[in-house]
Amino acid sequence: MALYKIWASRVNNAEAAEFEGDLGQIWYDEATGNLRLYTGVPGGQIINGSGGGGNASLPLSNGTSNFNIATANGNATITVNGFSDTAVFGVNSLAIGGVFSTPKTINSNVQVAEAVNAVAISPLTVGELGNIFVPDDSTFTIFTPA
């Protein structure tokens, strides 16, 4: 197993968004406060998520599954076992590439957000330790398939 030691030196007259370093090299973008990782793409990849733009992203990964926040559009995506965009979260939107499911039993407290329409799928049982709290400006519907 190998590791990389991080050392710093100033590179004058270089743009962080266009810089090409050694594969796996990390550098600091003084203008934005971002850390970037060189992945073979000019400008590398923002790894601390403090700003930026373009197609940079903040990935969290474990093997073939990952969670990614793209700074170009702000969407958050989940890839599971190599299947990209299994779920995509955007402003006021959620797209699921697969099956949507809800638990059959609620065993803990569930709080519906303010000013939303929430849904669960029947059959649904609320256990002894479970409660569903619905604010006055929200609705909660249990959908019963035909």
N, C-alpha and C. Protein backbone atom coordinates (compact mmCIF):
# COMPACT_ATOMS: atom_id res chain seq x y z
N MET A 1 0.85 -1.17 0.00
CA MET A 1 0.00 0.00 0.00
C MET A 1 0.90 1.23 0.00
N ALA A 2 0.48 2.26 -0.72
CA ALA A 2 1.25 3.49 -0.80
C ALA A 2 0.45 4.64 -0.22
N LEU A 3 1.14 5.71 0.13
CA LEU A 3 0.48 6.92 0.57
C LEU A 3 1.18 8.12 -0.05
N TYR A 4 0.51 9.24 -0.05
CA TYR A 4 1.09 10.48 -0.55
C TYR A 4 1.29 11.43 0.61
N LYS A 5 2.49 12.00 0.71
CA LYS A 5 2.74 13.05 1.68
C LYS A 5 2.43 14.36 0.98
N ILE A 6 1.79 15.27 1.67
CA ILE A 6 1.43 16.55 1.09
C ILE A 6 2.47 17.58 1.50
N TRP A 7 3.01 18.29 0.52
CA TRP A 7 3.92 19.39 0.79
C TRP A 7 3.44 20.57 -0.06
N ALA A 8 3.82 21.75 0.31
CA ALA A 8 3.30 22.94 -0.37
C ALA A 8 4.43 23.79 -0.94
N SER A 9 4.15 24.36 -2.08
CA SER A 9 5.00 25.38 -2.68
C SER A 9 4.10 26.24 -3.55
N ARG A 10 4.42 27.50 -3.69
CA ARG A 10 3.60 28.43 -4.47
C ARG A 10 3.94 28.28 -5.95
N VAL A 11 2.89 28.20 -6.78
CA VAL A 11 3.07 28.15 -8.23
C VAL A 11 2.52 29.46 -8.78
N ASN A 12 3.40 30.36 -9.14
CA ASN A 12 2.98 31.67 -9.64
C ASN A 12 2.45 31.55 -11.07
N ASN A 13 1.54 32.45 -11.44
CA ASN A 13 0.99 32.52 -12.80
C ASN A 13 0.32 31.23 -13.25
N ALA A 14 -0.36 30.55 -12.32
CA ALA A 14 -1.10 29.33 -12.65
C ALA A 14 -2.55 29.51 -12.22
N GLU A 15 -3.48 29.08 -13.04
CA GLU A 15 -4.91 29.11 -12.72
C GLU A 15 -5.30 27.75 -12.14
N ALA A 16 -5.87 27.76 -10.95
CA ALA A 16 -6.23 26.50 -10.29
C ALA A 16 -7.21 25.67 -11.12
N ALA A 17 -8.13 26.35 -11.83
CA ALA A 17 -9.15 25.64 -12.61
C ALA A 17 -8.57 25.02 -13.87
N GLU A 18 -7.32 25.33 -14.22
CA GLU A 18 -6.69 24.77 -15.42
C GLU A 18 -5.43 23.98 -15.11
N PHE A 19 -5.00 23.99 -13.85
CA PHE A 19 -3.74 23.38 -13.45
C PHE A 19 -3.78 21.86 -13.66
N GLU A 20 -2.65 21.32 -14.12
CA GLU A 20 -2.49 19.88 -14.26
C GLU A 20 -1.27 19.47 -13.44
N GLY A 21 -1.52 18.67 -12.43
CA GLY A 21 -0.43 18.22 -11.57
C GLY A 21 -0.16 16.75 -11.80
N ASP A 22 0.45 16.13 -10.81
CA ASP A 22 0.65 14.69 -10.84
C ASP A 22 -0.62 14.01 -10.37
N LEU A 23 -0.95 12.87 -10.93
CA LEU A 23 -2.16 12.14 -10.55
C LEU A 23 -2.18 11.95 -9.03
N GLY A 24 -3.28 12.36 -8.40
CA GLY A 24 -3.43 12.25 -6.96
C GLY A 24 -2.92 13.45 -6.19
N GLN A 25 -2.32 14.42 -6.86
CA GLN A 25 -1.79 15.61 -6.20
C GLN A 25 -2.92 16.52 -5.75
N ILE A 26 -2.76 17.11 -4.57
CA ILE A 26 -3.75 18.04 -4.02
C ILE A 26 -3.14 19.43 -4.01
N TRP A 27 -3.96 20.45 -4.37
CA TRP A 27 -3.50 21.84 -4.27
C TRP A 27 -4.62 22.73 -3.78
N TYR A 28 -4.21 23.90 -3.31
CA TYR A 28 -5.12 24.87 -2.72
C TYR A 28 -5.34 26.01 -3.70
N ASP A 29 -6.62 26.36 -3.93
CA ASP A 29 -6.99 27.47 -4.80
C ASP A 29 -7.18 28.71 -3.93
N GLU A 30 -6.20 29.59 -3.95
CA GLU A 30 -6.20 30.76 -3.09
C GLU A 30 -7.40 31.67 -3.35
N ALA A 31 -7.88 31.74 -4.60
CA ALA A 31 -8.98 32.64 -4.95
C ALA A 31 -10.32 32.17 -4.37
N THR A 32 -10.55 30.86 -4.28
CA THR A 32 -11.85 30.34 -3.82
C THR A 32 -11.79 29.66 -2.47
N GLY A 33 -10.59 29.31 -2.02
CA GLY A 33 -10.46 28.57 -0.76
C GLY A 33 -10.69 27.08 -0.92
N ASN A 34 -10.75 26.59 -2.16
CA ASN A 34 -10.99 25.17 -2.41
C ASN A 34 -9.71 24.36 -2.42
N LEU A 35 -9.83 23.11 -1.97
CA LEU A 35 -8.79 22.12 -2.21
C LEU A 35 -9.18 21.37 -3.47
N ARG A 36 -8.20 21.07 -4.31
CA ARG A 36 -8.47 20.34 -5.55
C ARG A 36 -7.57 19.12 -5.63
N LEU A 37 -8.09 18.07 -6.24
CA LEU A 37 -7.36 16.81 -6.42
C LEU A 37 -7.20 16.57 -7.91
N TYR A 38 -5.95 16.33 -8.36
CA TYR A 38 -5.75 16.07 -9.78
C TYR A 38 -6.13 14.63 -10.10
N THR A 39 -7.12 14.48 -11.00
CA THR A 39 -7.65 13.18 -11.38
C THR A 39 -7.39 12.85 -12.84
N GLY A 40 -6.52 13.65 -13.50
CA GLY A 40 -6.26 13.47 -14.92
C GLY A 40 -7.01 14.47 -15.77
N VAL A 41 -7.82 15.31 -15.14
CA VAL A 41 -8.61 16.33 -15.84
C VAL A 41 -8.05 17.70 -15.44
N PRO A 42 -7.79 18.60 -16.41
CA PRO A 42 -7.29 19.93 -16.06
C PRO A 42 -8.17 20.60 -15.00
N GLY A 43 -7.55 21.18 -14.00
CA GLY A 43 -8.29 21.82 -12.91
C GLY A 43 -8.61 20.86 -11.78
N GLY A 44 -8.46 19.57 -12.04
CA GLY A 44 -8.72 18.58 -11.00
C GLY A 44 -10.17 18.58 -10.55
N GLN A 45 -10.37 18.11 -9.35
CA GLN A 45 -11.70 17.97 -8.77
C GLN A 45 -11.71 18.65 -7.41
N ILE A 46 -12.72 19.51 -7.16
CA ILE A 46 -12.83 20.15 -5.86
C ILE A 46 -13.17 19.06 -4.84
N ILE A 47 -12.41 19.03 -3.75
CA ILE A 47 -12.63 17.96 -2.77
C ILE A 47 -13.13 18.44 -1.42
N ASN A 48 -13.29 19.75 -1.24
CA ASN A 48 -13.81 20.22 0.04
C ASN A 48 -15.14 20.91 -0.08
N GLY A 49 -15.65 21.16 -1.28
CA GLY A 49 -16.99 21.67 -1.49
C GLY A 49 -17.25 23.07 -1.00
N SER A 50 -16.23 23.92 -0.87
CA SER A 50 -16.48 25.26 -0.36
C SER A 50 -16.86 26.26 -1.44
N GLY A 51 -16.91 25.85 -2.67
CA GLY A 51 -17.28 26.77 -3.74
C GLY A 51 -16.92 26.18 -5.08
N GLY A 52 -16.73 27.04 -6.06
CA GLY A 52 -16.29 26.57 -7.36
C GLY A 52 -17.40 26.56 -8.36
N GLY A 53 -17.18 25.89 -9.46
CA GLY A 53 -18.17 25.86 -10.52
C GLY A 53 -17.75 24.87 -11.58
N GLY A 54 -18.30 25.02 -12.76
CA GLY A 54 -17.98 24.11 -13.85
C GLY A 54 -18.49 22.73 -13.55
N ASN A 55 -17.68 21.72 -13.85
CA ASN A 55 -18.09 20.34 -13.63
C ASN A 55 -17.42 19.73 -12.42
N ALA A 56 -16.87 20.57 -11.54
CA ALA A 56 -16.23 20.05 -10.34
C ALA A 56 -17.29 19.47 -9.42
N SER A 57 -16.87 18.60 -8.52
CA SER A 57 -17.84 17.96 -7.64
C SER A 57 -17.20 17.54 -6.34
N LEU A 58 -18.04 17.22 -5.38
CA LEU A 58 -17.60 16.70 -4.10
C LEU A 58 -18.07 15.26 -4.00
N PRO A 59 -17.19 14.28 -4.24
CA PRO A 59 -17.62 12.88 -4.18
C PRO A 59 -17.29 12.23 -2.84
N LEU A 60 -18.15 11.34 -2.41
CA LEU A 60 -17.89 10.45 -1.29
C LEU A 60 -18.11 9.06 -1.85
N SER A 61 -17.11 8.21 -1.75
CA SER A 61 -17.23 6.96 -2.46
C SER A 61 -16.74 5.79 -1.64
N ASN A 62 -17.30 4.61 -1.94
CA ASN A 62 -16.91 3.37 -1.29
C ASN A 62 -17.06 2.27 -2.33
N GLY A 63 -15.99 1.93 -2.99
CA GLY A 63 -16.07 0.91 -4.04
C GLY A 63 -16.84 1.42 -5.23
N THR A 64 -17.94 0.72 -5.59
CA THR A 64 -18.71 1.11 -6.76
C THR A 64 -19.92 1.97 -6.41
N SER A 65 -20.06 2.37 -5.14
CA SER A 65 -21.17 3.23 -4.73
C SER A 65 -20.61 4.58 -4.29
N ASN A 66 -21.32 5.67 -4.64
CA ASN A 66 -20.85 6.97 -4.20
C ASN A 66 -21.99 7.97 -4.11
N PHE A 67 -21.71 9.04 -3.40
CA PHE A 67 -22.59 10.20 -3.28
C PHE A 67 -21.82 11.37 -3.83
N ASN A 68 -22.43 12.15 -4.70
CA ASN A 68 -21.72 13.20 -5.40
C ASN A 68 -22.55 14.49 -5.42
N ILE A 69 -21.93 15.61 -5.08
CA ILE A 69 -22.58 16.91 -5.20
C ILE A 69 -21.88 17.66 -6.31
N ALA A 70 -22.56 17.85 -7.43
CA ALA A 70 -21.98 18.58 -8.55
C ALA A 70 -22.16 20.07 -8.33
N THR A 71 -21.06 20.82 -8.41
CA THR A 71 -21.16 22.25 -8.16
C THR A 71 -21.69 23.01 -9.38
N ALA A 72 -21.70 22.39 -10.55
CA ALA A 72 -22.21 23.08 -11.75
C ALA A 72 -23.70 23.33 -11.64
N ASN A 73 -24.47 22.35 -11.18
CA ASN A 73 -25.93 22.53 -11.08
C ASN A 73 -26.44 22.38 -9.66
N GLY A 74 -25.59 22.00 -8.74
CA GLY A 74 -25.99 21.86 -7.35
C GLY A 74 -26.71 20.57 -7.03
N ASN A 75 -26.98 19.73 -8.03
CA ASN A 75 -27.68 18.47 -7.78
C ASN A 75 -26.79 17.51 -7.01
N ALA A 76 -27.41 16.70 -6.18
CA ALA A 76 -26.72 15.64 -5.47
C ALA A 76 -27.15 14.32 -6.10
N THR A 77 -26.20 13.47 -6.43
CA THR A 77 -26.52 12.19 -7.07
C THR A 77 -25.97 11.04 -6.24
N ILE A 78 -26.67 9.91 -6.32
CA ILE A 78 -26.21 8.69 -5.66
C ILE A 78 -26.05 7.62 -6.73
N THR A 79 -24.89 6.99 -6.72
CA THR A 79 -24.62 5.85 -7.59
C THR A 79 -24.49 4.63 -6.69
N VAL A 80 -25.18 3.55 -7.04
CA VAL A 80 -25.15 2.33 -6.23
C VAL A 80 -24.68 1.18 -7.10
N ASN A 81 -23.62 0.51 -6.64
CA ASN A 81 -23.05 -0.64 -7.34
C ASN A 81 -22.82 -0.37 -8.82
N GLY A 82 -22.32 0.83 -9.15
CA GLY A 82 -21.99 1.17 -10.52
C GLY A 82 -23.14 1.70 -11.36
N PHE A 83 -24.37 1.68 -10.84
CA PHE A 83 -25.52 2.22 -11.57
C PHE A 83 -25.64 3.70 -11.25
N SER A 84 -25.23 4.55 -12.22
CA SER A 84 -25.20 5.99 -11.97
C SER A 84 -26.61 6.57 -11.86
N ASP A 85 -26.71 7.67 -11.16
CA ASP A 85 -27.96 8.41 -10.99
C ASP A 85 -29.09 7.54 -10.47
N THR A 86 -28.78 6.64 -9.52
CA THR A 86 -29.83 5.85 -8.87
C THR A 86 -30.84 6.77 -8.23
N ALA A 87 -30.35 7.86 -7.65
CA ALA A 87 -31.22 8.93 -7.13
C ALA A 87 -30.53 10.26 -7.41
N VAL A 88 -31.31 11.24 -7.84
CA VAL A 88 -30.79 12.59 -8.10
C VAL A 88 -31.66 13.57 -7.33
N PHE A 89 -31.03 14.34 -6.46
CA PHE A 89 -31.72 15.33 -5.65
C PHE A 89 -31.41 16.71 -6.22
N GLY A 90 -32.45 17.47 -6.56
CA GLY A 90 -32.29 18.83 -7.03
C GLY A 90 -33.16 19.75 -6.21
N VAL A 91 -33.17 21.02 -6.57
CA VAL A 91 -34.03 21.98 -5.88
C VAL A 91 -35.48 21.59 -6.14
N ASN A 92 -36.21 21.25 -5.10
CA ASN A 92 -37.62 20.85 -5.18
C ASN A 92 -37.86 19.64 -6.08
N SER A 93 -36.87 18.76 -6.21
CA SER A 93 -37.08 17.59 -7.06
C SER A 93 -36.29 16.39 -6.54
N LEU A 94 -36.80 15.21 -6.84
CA LEU A 94 -36.13 13.96 -6.55
C LEU A 94 -36.46 13.00 -7.68
N ALA A 95 -35.46 12.50 -8.34
CA ALA A 95 -35.65 11.50 -9.40
C ALA A 95 -35.03 10.20 -8.94
N ILE A 96 -35.78 9.12 -9.03
CA ILE A 96 -35.30 7.81 -8.61
C ILE A 96 -35.28 6.89 -9.82
N GLY A 97 -34.13 6.30 -10.08
CA GLY A 97 -34.00 5.35 -11.18
C GLY A 97 -34.17 3.95 -10.65
N GLY A 98 -35.35 3.59 -10.27
CA GLY A 98 -35.59 2.28 -9.69
C GLY A 98 -36.90 2.27 -8.95
N VAL A 99 -36.95 1.52 -7.88
CA VAL A 99 -38.18 1.33 -7.12
C VAL A 99 -38.21 2.30 -5.94
N PHE A 100 -39.35 2.94 -5.73
CA PHE A 100 -39.57 3.79 -4.56
C PHE A 100 -40.23 2.92 -3.50
N SER A 101 -39.75 3.01 -2.28
CA SER A 101 -40.34 2.18 -1.22
C SER A 101 -40.41 2.95 0.08
N THR A 102 -41.34 2.57 0.94
CA THR A 102 -41.46 3.12 2.28
C THR A 102 -41.54 1.95 3.25
N PRO A 103 -41.16 2.15 4.51
CA PRO A 103 -41.21 1.04 5.46
C PRO A 103 -42.65 0.60 5.74
N LYS A 104 -42.82 -0.68 6.09
CA LYS A 104 -44.14 -1.19 6.45
C LYS A 104 -44.48 -0.87 7.90
N THR A 105 -43.44 -0.65 8.72
CA THR A 105 -43.65 -0.34 10.14
C THR A 105 -42.81 0.86 10.52
N ILE A 106 -43.43 1.81 11.22
CA ILE A 106 -42.73 2.98 11.76
C ILE A 106 -42.48 2.71 13.23
N ASN A 107 -41.20 2.55 13.62
CA ASN A 107 -40.87 2.24 15.01
C ASN A 107 -40.17 3.40 15.72
N SER A 108 -40.10 4.54 15.07
CA SER A 108 -39.51 5.72 15.69
C SER A 108 -40.30 6.94 15.24
N ASN A 109 -40.01 8.09 15.81
CA ASN A 109 -40.74 9.29 15.44
C ASN A 109 -40.38 9.75 14.03
N VAL A 110 -41.41 10.15 13.28
CA VAL A 110 -41.22 10.68 11.93
C VAL A 110 -41.85 12.06 11.91
N GLN A 111 -41.09 13.04 11.43
CA GLN A 111 -41.57 14.42 11.36
C GLN A 111 -41.71 14.81 9.89
N VAL A 112 -42.93 15.14 9.47
CA VAL A 112 -43.15 15.64 8.12
C VAL A 112 -42.69 17.10 8.11
N ALA A 113 -42.02 17.52 7.05
CA ALA A 113 -41.52 18.90 6.94
C ALA A 113 -42.67 19.89 6.83
N GLU A 114 -42.37 21.16 7.04
CA GLU A 114 -43.36 22.23 6.94
C GLU A 114 -43.77 22.45 5.49
N ALA A 115 -45.04 22.70 5.25
CA ALA A 115 -45.59 23.12 3.94
C ALA A 115 -45.28 22.13 2.81
N VAL A 116 -45.46 20.83 3.08
CA VAL A 116 -45.26 19.81 2.05
C VAL A 116 -46.42 18.81 2.05
N ASN A 117 -46.50 18.06 0.98
CA ASN A 117 -47.40 16.91 0.90
C ASN A 117 -46.52 15.67 1.04
N ALA A 118 -46.77 14.87 2.05
CA ALA A 118 -45.98 13.67 2.28
C ALA A 118 -46.83 12.44 1.97
N VAL A 119 -46.17 11.34 1.60
CA VAL A 119 -46.89 10.12 1.25
C VAL A 119 -46.15 8.90 1.78
N ALA A 120 -46.90 7.91 2.19
CA ALA A 120 -46.39 6.59 2.53
C ALA A 120 -47.25 5.59 1.79
N ILE A 121 -46.76 4.38 1.66
CA ILE A 121 -47.49 3.34 0.93
C ILE A 121 -47.99 2.30 1.94
N SER A 122 -49.27 1.91 1.81
CA SER A 122 -49.83 0.92 2.73
C SER A 122 -49.46 -0.48 2.24
N PRO A 123 -49.46 -1.46 3.12
CA PRO A 123 -49.89 -1.37 4.51
C PRO A 123 -48.82 -0.67 5.35
N LEU A 124 -49.27 0.10 6.33
CA LEU A 124 -48.38 0.85 7.21
C LEU A 124 -48.85 0.67 8.65
N THR A 125 -47.93 0.26 9.52
CA THR A 125 -48.22 0.10 10.93
C THR A 125 -47.32 1.05 11.70
N VAL A 126 -47.90 1.74 12.67
CA VAL A 126 -47.11 2.59 13.55
C VAL A 126 -46.91 1.82 14.85
N GLY A 127 -45.64 1.44 15.13
CA GLY A 127 -45.33 0.65 16.31
C GLY A 127 -45.45 1.46 17.59
N GLU A 128 -45.26 0.78 18.73
CA GLU A 128 -45.40 1.41 20.05
C GLU A 128 -44.49 2.61 20.22
N LEU A 129 -43.31 2.56 19.66
CA LEU A 129 -42.34 3.64 19.82
C LEU A 129 -42.40 4.66 18.69
N GLY A 130 -43.34 4.49 17.78
CA GLY A 130 -43.40 5.38 16.63
C GLY A 130 -44.53 6.38 16.69
N ASN A 131 -44.29 7.56 16.16
CA ASN A 131 -45.29 8.60 16.00
C ASN A 131 -45.03 9.31 14.67
N ILE A 132 -46.08 9.79 14.04
CA ILE A 132 -45.94 10.58 12.82
C ILE A 132 -46.47 11.97 13.13
N PHE A 133 -45.62 12.96 13.04
CA PHE A 133 -46.00 14.34 13.33
C PHE A 133 -46.17 15.09 12.02
N VAL A 134 -47.35 15.70 11.83
CA VAL A 134 -47.66 16.43 10.60
C VAL A 134 -48.01 17.87 10.96
N PRO A 135 -47.23 18.85 10.52
CA PRO A 135 -47.56 20.26 10.80
C PRO A 135 -48.89 20.66 10.17
N ASP A 136 -49.51 21.69 10.71
CA ASP A 136 -50.82 22.15 10.21
C ASP A 136 -50.79 22.55 8.74
N ASP A 137 -49.64 23.03 8.24
CA ASP A 137 -49.57 23.47 6.84
C ASP A 137 -49.09 22.37 5.90
N SER A 138 -49.08 21.12 6.37
CA SER A 138 -48.67 19.98 5.55
C SER A 138 -49.78 18.93 5.51
N THR A 139 -49.63 17.99 4.58
CA THR A 139 -50.55 16.85 4.53
C THR A 139 -49.74 15.56 4.52
N PHE A 140 -50.36 14.51 5.03
CA PHE A 140 -49.74 13.18 5.03
C PHE A 140 -50.78 12.20 4.51
N THR A 141 -50.47 11.52 3.42
CA THR A 141 -51.40 10.60 2.78
C THR A 141 -50.79 9.21 2.77
N ILE A 142 -51.61 8.21 3.12
CA ILE A 142 -51.20 6.82 2.98
C ILE A 142 -51.84 6.31 1.70
N PHE A 143 -50.97 6.03 0.72
CA PHE A 143 -51.43 5.56 -0.59
C PHE A 143 -51.69 4.07 -0.52
N THR A 144 -52.88 3.66 -0.95
CA THR A 144 -53.25 2.25 -0.98
C THR A 144 -53.38 1.82 -2.44
N PRO A 145 -52.43 1.00 -2.91
CA PRO A 145 -52.52 0.55 -4.31
C PRO A 145 -53.79 -0.28 -4.54
N ALA A 146 -54.28 -0.23 -5.74
CA ALA A 146 -55.51 -0.97 -6.08
C ALA A 146 -55.26 -2.45 -6.13
